[in-house]
């Protein structure tokens, strides 16, 4: 479970986002408040269902209504072949069976690739994060970052969660993992249009990206599966 996410934080003033989240961009959260939020909303990590084996993935393909209809067609074709008793092979049933088998194999392969992609997205998550709590900078496991935390980013840091920038000093972020853009993006604290595309949300930083240069400070707006990378992982897993 994840903490509350303000609607369109990229289009709101940084101060308004901080107020909505009960955050203090200068002193950060109190340790006790952060612990309560972590307990209430869970760790900042991508999650998913247990990975099924090849047999389970393949068997699941036969639950599709269209496949069930094809299986029924195979049964009817075999029955007709047996009743006609004309000899030879039941070519119609064999052809339909080949289509069903091929469909199941392709579906299972696609699911396996999606699972690998989700695992790769999870691997991009930062292991450590610099956060301000009780007025001091702390290095904590990224999985303990909560909504409302104030994170500090410097060159080489991975972004642990989606966050609204409150300070950006020549901060450049590589967002290739999310947008596919090879060039890093220079960030700013000014709000952008509500309908701005992900790549144009310059007032935000996103989980799974990395600081290339400069320095920034941001208030976390979403963690775990509520982040943009979490949404991608969800879509890949469907």
Protein backbone atom coordinates (compact mmCIF):
# COMPACT_ATOMS: atom_id res chain seq x y z
CA UNK A 1 0.00 0.00 0.00
CA UNK A 2 1.28 3.50 -0.76
CA UNK A 3 0.84 6.93 0.66
CA UNK A 4 -1.48 9.59 -0.77
CA UNK A 5 -0.34 11.20 -4.00
CA UNK A 6 -1.34 14.83 -4.75
CA UNK A 7 -3.12 15.25 -8.05
CA UNK A 8 -0.77 16.68 -10.69
CA UNK A 9 2.04 17.70 -8.31
CA UNK A 10 4.10 18.84 -11.32
CA UNK A 11 1.51 21.56 -11.98
CA UNK A 12 1.27 22.80 -8.40
CA UNK A 13 3.57 25.16 -6.53
CA UNK A 14 6.18 23.27 -4.53
CA UNK A 15 4.98 24.81 -1.28
CA UNK A 16 1.39 23.73 -1.90
CA UNK A 17 2.50 20.15 -2.56
CA UNK A 18 4.53 20.12 0.66
CA UNK A 19 1.56 21.42 2.67
CA UNK A 20 -0.77 18.82 1.14
CA UNK A 21 1.64 16.07 2.20
CA UNK A 22 2.33 17.43 5.66
CA UNK A 23 5.98 17.80 4.66
CA UNK A 24 8.67 20.24 5.75
CA UNK A 25 11.19 20.77 2.91
CA UNK A 26 13.68 22.38 5.33
CA UNK A 27 13.64 20.08 8.36
CA UNK A 28 12.07 17.05 6.74
CA UNK A 29 9.78 14.63 8.55
CA UNK A 30 10.21 13.74 12.18
CA UNK A 31 11.60 10.22 12.57
CA UNK A 32 8.49 9.14 14.49
CA UNK A 33 6.19 10.43 11.72
CA UNK A 34 8.27 8.71 9.05
CA UNK A 35 8.09 5.44 10.98
CA UNK A 36 4.31 5.73 11.26
CA UNK A 37 3.96 6.37 7.53
CA UNK A 38 6.21 3.45 6.68
CA UNK A 39 4.17 1.17 8.95
CA UNK A 40 0.88 2.42 7.51
CA UNK A 41 1.76 2.40 3.81
CA UNK A 42 4.49 -0.22 3.46
CA UNK A 43 8.02 -0.16 2.06
CA UNK A 44 9.12 1.72 -1.03
CA UNK A 45 9.73 -1.22 -3.33
CA UNK A 46 8.19 -2.67 -6.44
CA UNK A 47 6.11 -5.74 -5.74
CA UNK A 48 4.40 -8.37 -7.81
CA UNK A 49 2.78 -11.74 -7.64
CA UNK A 50 4.89 -14.85 -7.19
CA UNK A 51 6.50 -15.81 -10.49
CA UNK A 52 4.80 -18.91 -11.92
CA UNK A 53 6.77 -21.66 -13.61
CA UNK A 54 6.74 -22.42 -17.32
CA UNK A 55 4.04 -25.08 -16.92
CA UNK A 56 1.75 -22.73 -14.98
CA UNK A 57 2.26 -19.92 -17.49
CA UNK A 58 1.46 -22.23 -20.41
CA UNK A 59 -1.56 -23.78 -18.70
CA UNK A 60 -2.94 -20.30 -17.96
CA UNK A 61 -3.15 -19.61 -21.70
CA UNK A 62 -5.91 -22.22 -22.03
CA UNK A 63 -8.24 -20.25 -19.74
CA UNK A 64 -8.90 -17.74 -22.52
CA UNK A 65 -12.51 -18.01 -23.85
CA UNK A 66 -11.31 -18.03 -27.47
CA UNK A 67 -8.92 -20.91 -26.74
CA UNK A 68 -11.74 -22.81 -25.04
CA UNK A 69 -13.84 -22.38 -28.19
CA UNK A 70 -10.96 -23.70 -30.30
CA UNK A 71 -10.59 -26.71 -28.00
CA UNK A 72 -14.31 -27.36 -28.42
CA UNK A 73 -13.82 -27.11 -32.17
CA UNK A 74 -11.07 -29.71 -31.95
CA UNK A 75 -13.38 -32.06 -30.03
CA UNK A 76 -16.19 -31.60 -32.56
CA UNK A 77 -13.79 -32.11 -35.47
CA UNK A 78 -12.44 -35.33 -33.91
CA UNK A 79 -15.97 -36.59 -33.28
CA UNK A 80 -16.98 -35.88 -36.87
CA UNK A 81 -13.83 -37.63 -38.16
CA UNK A 82 -14.52 -40.68 -36.00
CA UNK A 83 -18.19 -40.88 -37.05
CA UNK A 84 -17.38 -40.54 -40.74
CA UNK A 85 -14.79 -43.30 -40.42
CA UNK A 86 -13.23 -42.36 -43.74
CA UNK A 87 -9.71 -43.20 -42.65
CA UNK A 88 -6.71 -40.92 -42.90
CA UNK A 89 -5.81 -38.29 -40.35
CA UNK A 90 -8.08 -35.67 -38.75
CA UNK A 91 -6.32 -32.79 -40.49
CA UNK A 92 -8.81 -30.15 -39.33
CA UNK A 93 -8.33 -31.08 -35.68
CA UNK A 94 -4.56 -31.23 -36.12
CA UNK A 95 -4.49 -27.75 -37.71
CA UNK A 96 -6.61 -26.22 -34.96
CA UNK A 97 -4.52 -27.99 -32.29
CA UNK A 98 -1.32 -26.58 -33.81
CA UNK A 99 -2.79 -23.07 -33.67
CA UNK A 100 -3.79 -23.51 -30.03
CA UNK A 101 -0.37 -24.87 -29.08
CA UNK A 102 1.43 -22.06 -30.90
CA UNK A 103 -0.79 -19.45 -29.26
CA UNK A 104 -0.08 -20.92 -25.80
CA UNK A 105 3.67 -20.95 -26.42
CA UNK A 106 3.71 -17.35 -27.65
CA UNK A 107 1.60 -16.19 -24.70
CA UNK A 108 3.87 -17.92 -22.19
CA UNK A 109 6.99 -16.43 -23.79
CA UNK A 110 5.49 -12.93 -23.71
CA UNK A 111 4.61 -13.31 -20.04
CA UNK A 112 8.13 -14.45 -19.23
CA UNK A 113 9.58 -11.43 -21.03
CA UNK A 114 7.22 -9.13 -19.14
CA UNK A 115 8.32 -10.66 -15.84
CA UNK A 116 11.95 -10.09 -16.77
CA UNK A 117 11.17 -6.48 -17.64
CA UNK A 118 9.46 -5.95 -14.28
CA UNK A 119 12.49 -7.48 -12.52
CA UNK A 120 14.76 -5.12 -14.46
CA UNK A 121 12.67 -2.14 -13.39
CA UNK A 122 12.89 -3.25 -9.77
CA UNK A 123 16.67 -3.58 -10.10
CA UNK A 124 16.90 0.10 -11.12
CA UNK A 125 15.61 1.20 -7.73
CA UNK A 126 18.11 3.02 -5.54
CA UNK A 127 19.64 1.00 -2.72
CA UNK A 128 20.27 4.05 -0.51
CA UNK A 129 18.70 7.48 -0.31
CA UNK A 130 19.68 10.76 1.26
CA UNK A 131 16.74 12.17 3.22
CA UNK A 132 16.33 15.01 5.67
CA UNK A 133 14.74 13.96 8.94
CA UNK A 134 14.65 15.85 12.21
CA UNK A 135 16.54 18.65 10.45
CA UNK A 136 19.54 16.47 9.56
CA UNK A 137 20.64 14.61 6.44
CA UNK A 138 20.52 10.83 6.82
CA UNK A 139 21.46 7.98 4.48
CA UNK A 140 18.75 5.33 4.74
CA UNK A 141 17.71 2.25 2.74
CA UNK A 142 15.60 3.46 -0.18
CA UNK A 143 12.86 1.00 0.79
CA UNK A 144 12.29 3.12 3.94
CA UNK A 145 11.56 6.33 2.02
CA UNK A 146 7.97 7.50 2.57
CA UNK A 147 5.61 10.01 1.00
CA UNK A 148 6.42 13.43 2.47
CA UNK A 149 10.13 12.72 2.91
CA UNK A 150 12.54 15.37 1.68
CA UNK A 151 15.22 13.75 -0.47
CA UNK A 152 18.56 15.32 -1.38
CA UNK A 153 20.06 14.58 -4.79
CA UNK A 154 23.65 15.12 -5.90
CA UNK A 155 25.65 13.94 -8.89
CA UNK A 156 25.55 10.15 -9.24
CA UNK A 157 22.55 9.60 -6.95
CA UNK A 158 19.68 7.37 -7.98
CA UNK A 159 16.23 8.81 -7.41
CA UNK A 160 14.44 6.57 -4.86
CA UNK A 161 10.86 7.75 -5.45
CA UNK A 162 8.75 10.21 -7.42
CA UNK A 163 9.17 13.66 -5.91
CA UNK A 164 8.31 17.34 -6.42
CA UNK A 165 11.39 19.54 -6.60
CA UNK A 166 11.67 22.38 -4.09
CA UNK A 167 15.27 23.23 -4.94
CA UNK A 168 17.25 22.67 -8.14
CA UNK A 169 20.77 23.98 -8.64
CA UNK A 170 21.81 23.09 -12.23
CA UNK A 171 20.29 19.68 -11.57
CA UNK A 172 20.31 17.36 -14.57
CA UNK A 173 18.54 13.99 -14.49
CA UNK A 174 18.94 11.05 -16.85
CA UNK A 175 15.42 9.76 -17.56
CA UNK A 176 16.26 7.33 -20.36
CA UNK A 177 14.83 4.41 -18.37
CA UNK A 178 11.39 6.07 -18.40
CA UNK A 179 11.21 8.26 -21.49
CA UNK A 180 13.83 6.71 -23.77
CA UNK A 181 15.51 10.10 -24.19
CA UNK A 182 19.29 9.72 -24.25
CA UNK A 183 19.96 13.34 -23.26
CA UNK A 184 19.74 14.27 -19.60
CA UNK A 185 17.09 16.82 -18.59
CA UNK A 186 17.75 20.00 -16.67
CA UNK A 187 15.22 20.41 -13.89
CA UNK A 188 13.52 23.47 -12.39
CA UNK A 189 11.14 24.14 -9.52
CA UNK A 190 8.54 26.11 -11.50
CA UNK A 191 5.20 24.32 -12.08
CA UNK A 192 4.45 23.06 -15.58
CA UNK A 193 1.23 22.47 -17.47
CA UNK A 194 -1.21 19.99 -15.97
CA UNK A 195 -1.25 17.92 -19.17
CA UNK A 196 2.53 18.00 -19.64
CA UNK A 197 3.98 14.73 -20.91
CA UNK A 198 6.19 12.75 -18.57
CA UNK A 199 9.35 13.99 -20.29
CA UNK A 200 8.20 17.60 -19.87
CA UNK A 201 7.49 17.47 -16.15
CA UNK A 202 10.62 19.41 -15.31
CA UNK A 203 9.47 20.13 -11.76
CA UNK A 204 9.51 16.42 -10.91
CA UNK A 205 12.08 13.67 -10.44
CA UNK A 206 11.11 10.03 -10.85
CA UNK A 207 12.08 6.73 -9.27
CA UNK A 208 14.51 4.71 -11.35
CA UNK A 209 16.24 7.77 -12.84
CA UNK A 210 19.61 9.24 -11.84
CA UNK A 211 21.19 12.62 -11.15
CA UNK A 212 23.89 13.40 -13.71
CA UNK A 213 25.04 16.72 -12.31
CA UNK A 214 24.04 19.54 -9.99
CA UNK A 215 22.10 19.34 -6.77
CA UNK A 216 18.45 19.23 -5.82
CA UNK A 217 16.00 18.77 -3.01
CA UNK A 218 12.51 17.31 -3.48
CA UNK A 219 9.46 16.23 -1.50
CA UNK A 220 8.38 12.64 -2.18
CA UNK A 221 4.93 12.43 -3.74
CA UNK A 222 4.71 8.71 -4.54
CA UNK A 223 6.51 5.52 -3.54
CA UNK A 224 6.60 1.87 -4.59
CA UNK A 225 3.90 0.84 -7.09
CA UNK A 226 2.36 4.35 -7.09
CA UNK A 227 5.43 5.75 -8.88
CA UNK A 228 5.66 6.11 -12.64
CA UNK A 229 8.03 3.15 -12.84
CA UNK A 230 5.55 1.22 -10.67
CA UNK A 231 2.77 1.99 -13.14
CA UNK A 232 4.96 0.68 -15.96
CA UNK A 233 5.70 -2.48 -13.99
CA UNK A 234 1.96 -2.97 -13.42
CA UNK A 235 1.20 -2.62 -17.14
CA UNK A 236 3.97 -5.08 -18.04
CA UNK A 237 2.65 -7.58 -15.54
CA UNK A 238 -0.93 -7.51 -16.90
